[in-house]
Amino acid sequence: MTDTGARPRVLVVDDAATVRAYSRAVLEGDGFAVDEAVNGLDGLEHALAAPPDLLIVDVNMQKMDGFSMLRAVRREPDLRDVPAVVVSTEAKDSDREQALLAGANWYFVKPVRPEDLTAAARLLTGRPLTERPR
């Protein structure tokens, strides 16, 4: 990740390029700096190299799924307090519960509306909901 000054940094971890591009466009449009990872292992490596202010994680990915990634993140002293949002196609209550038990702070079922994604990102990074994008 690059030095972005006061802009909160978000790491989007999803194996779908279209989802990463969508999340990037929505979040950058709201003043966040965004980095991307293609699976849980890649996401964990990115996060360890430069801890973000927020993680947005898919569940179903190759190499390491989102639940495993979040459990690994929560074991790392430098990452355990980084808030995490899971965005998944899985809509059952048991999936939401599993995400929260793995360490997620919020759970959305895809497709997530832009205003919901930015509201969660703002709340979890301490930005006011009424603040204008930078």
Protein backbone atom coordinates (compact mmCIF):
# COMPACT_ATOMS: atom_id res chain seq x y z
CA MET A 1 0.00 0.00 0.00
CA THR A 2 1.14 3.51 -0.58
CA ASP A 3 1.37 6.40 1.85
CA THR A 4 -1.97 8.18 1.62
CA GLY A 5 -1.72 10.66 4.46
CA ALA A 6 -4.95 10.92 6.45
CA ARG A 7 -7.05 8.85 4.05
CA PRO A 8 -8.14 5.60 5.72
CA ARG A 9 -6.70 2.57 3.93
CA VAL A 10 -8.94 -0.34 2.98
CA LEU A 11 -7.75 -3.76 1.84
CA VAL A 12 -10.33 -5.49 -0.38
CA VAL A 13 -9.82 -9.26 -0.51
CA ASP A 14 -11.89 -11.01 -3.19
CA ASP A 15 -11.09 -13.47 -5.96
CA ALA A 16 -13.45 -11.71 -8.40
CA ALA A 17 -11.80 -8.84 -10.25
CA THR A 18 -15.19 -7.22 -10.88
CA VAL A 19 -16.01 -7.17 -7.15
CA ARG A 20 -12.60 -5.69 -6.34
CA ALA A 21 -13.06 -3.02 -9.03
CA TYR A 22 -16.58 -2.20 -7.77
CA SER A 23 -15.41 -1.92 -4.15
CA ARG A 24 -12.44 0.20 -5.20
CA ALA A 25 -14.62 2.60 -7.20
CA VAL A 26 -17.17 2.98 -4.39
CA LEU A 27 -14.61 3.44 -1.62
CA GLU A 28 -12.18 5.65 -3.51
CA GLY A 29 -15.15 7.78 -4.53
CA ASP A 30 -15.79 8.29 -0.82
CA GLY A 31 -12.21 9.27 -0.03
CA PHE A 32 -10.68 5.94 1.02
CA ALA A 33 -7.38 4.62 -0.27
CA VAL A 34 -7.84 1.05 -1.54
CA ASP A 35 -5.51 -1.89 -2.01
CA GLU A 36 -6.55 -5.28 -3.38
CA ALA A 37 -5.73 -8.93 -2.76
CA VAL A 38 -6.93 -11.93 -4.80
CA ASN A 39 -7.40 -14.50 -2.01
CA GLY A 40 -7.12 -14.93 1.74
CA LEU A 41 -3.42 -15.82 1.71
CA ASP A 42 -2.60 -12.82 -0.48
CA GLY A 43 -4.78 -10.66 1.77
CA LEU A 44 -3.02 -11.84 4.92
CA GLU A 45 0.38 -11.13 3.35
CA HIS A 46 -0.75 -7.63 2.27
CA ALA A 47 -2.18 -6.89 5.71
CA LEU A 48 0.94 -8.08 7.52
CA ALA A 49 3.19 -5.98 5.25
CA ALA A 50 1.15 -2.80 5.79
CA PRO A 51 -1.76 -3.02 8.24
CA PRO A 52 -4.86 -1.36 6.74
CA ASP A 53 -7.49 0.62 8.59
CA LEU A 54 -10.22 -1.73 7.34
CA LEU A 55 -10.51 -5.16 5.73
CA ILE A 56 -13.26 -6.09 3.30
CA VAL A 57 -13.19 -9.85 2.79
CA ASP A 58 -15.04 -12.36 0.62
CA VAL A 59 -15.69 -15.85 1.99
CA ASN A 60 -15.31 -18.27 -0.92
CA MET A 61 -11.77 -17.95 -2.30
CA GLN A 62 -8.96 -20.28 -3.37
CA LYS A 63 -5.83 -20.88 -1.25
CA MET A 64 -7.41 -19.46 1.93
CA ASP A 65 -11.07 -18.65 2.45
CA GLY A 66 -12.25 -15.50 4.19
CA PHE A 67 -13.08 -17.21 7.48
CA SER A 68 -9.57 -18.70 7.71
CA MET A 69 -8.04 -15.37 6.79
CA LEU A 70 -9.97 -13.55 9.51
CA ARG A 71 -9.00 -16.13 12.12
CA ALA A 72 -5.34 -15.68 11.11
CA VAL A 73 -5.69 -11.89 11.21
CA ARG A 74 -7.12 -12.00 14.73
CA ARG A 75 -4.09 -14.02 15.91
CA GLU A 76 -1.66 -11.31 14.71
CA PRO A 77 -0.93 -8.60 17.32
CA ASP A 78 -0.56 -5.88 14.65
CA LEU A 79 -3.84 -6.83 12.95
CA ARG A 80 -6.17 -8.11 15.65
CA ASP A 81 -7.87 -4.72 16.11
CA VAL A 82 -8.31 -3.95 12.40
CA PRO A 83 -12.07 -3.91 11.71
CA ALA A 84 -13.33 -6.33 9.08
CA VAL A 85 -16.39 -6.47 6.85
CA VAL A 86 -17.34 -9.74 5.18
CA VAL A 87 -19.11 -9.38 1.83
CA SER A 88 -20.34 -12.75 0.57
CA THR A 89 -22.87 -14.50 -1.60
CA GLU A 90 -23.64 -16.75 1.39
CA ALA A 91 -26.93 -15.56 2.88
CA LYS A 92 -27.70 -18.06 5.65
CA ASP A 93 -27.69 -16.98 9.29
CA SER A 94 -25.07 -19.67 9.96
CA ASP A 95 -22.72 -17.99 7.44
CA ARG A 96 -23.15 -14.64 9.16
CA GLU A 97 -22.55 -16.27 12.54
CA GLN A 98 -19.44 -18.06 11.28
CA ALA A 99 -18.07 -14.76 9.93
CA LEU A 100 -18.64 -13.00 13.24
CA LEU A 101 -17.03 -15.86 15.16
CA ALA A 102 -14.02 -15.69 12.81
CA GLY A 103 -13.58 -12.01 13.64
CA ALA A 104 -15.79 -9.98 11.31
CA ASN A 105 -17.37 -6.79 12.62
CA TRP A 106 -20.01 -6.56 9.88
CA TYR A 107 -21.57 -8.90 7.30
CA PHE A 108 -23.15 -8.05 3.95
CA VAL A 109 -24.69 -10.33 1.35
CA LYS A 110 -23.66 -9.52 -2.23
CA PRO A 111 -24.49 -7.35 -3.98
CA VAL A 112 -23.88 -4.67 -1.38
CA ARG A 113 -25.29 -1.23 -2.12
CA PRO A 114 -22.67 1.55 -2.40
CA GLU A 115 -24.23 3.60 0.39
CA ASP A 116 -24.20 0.59 2.73
CA LEU A 117 -20.55 -0.19 1.97
CA THR A 118 -19.44 3.40 2.53
CA ALA A 119 -21.53 3.76 5.70
CA ALA A 120 -19.96 0.61 7.20
CA ALA A 121 -16.48 1.70 6.12
CA ARG A 122 -16.96 5.14 7.64
CA LEU A 123 -18.33 3.81 10.92
CA LEU A 124 -15.60 1.19 11.31
CA THR A 125 -12.79 3.64 10.54
CA GLY A 126 -14.17 6.43 12.72
CA ARG A 127 -15.18 8.78 9.92
CA PRO A 128 -18.43 10.70 10.41
CA LEU A 129 -21.28 9.63 8.15
CA THR A 130 -21.79 13.25 7.10
CA GLU A 131 -18.14 14.01 6.24
CA ARG A 132 -17.50 15.01 2.64
CA PRO A 133 -15.12 12.78 0.64
CA ARG A 134 -11.54 13.99 0.39
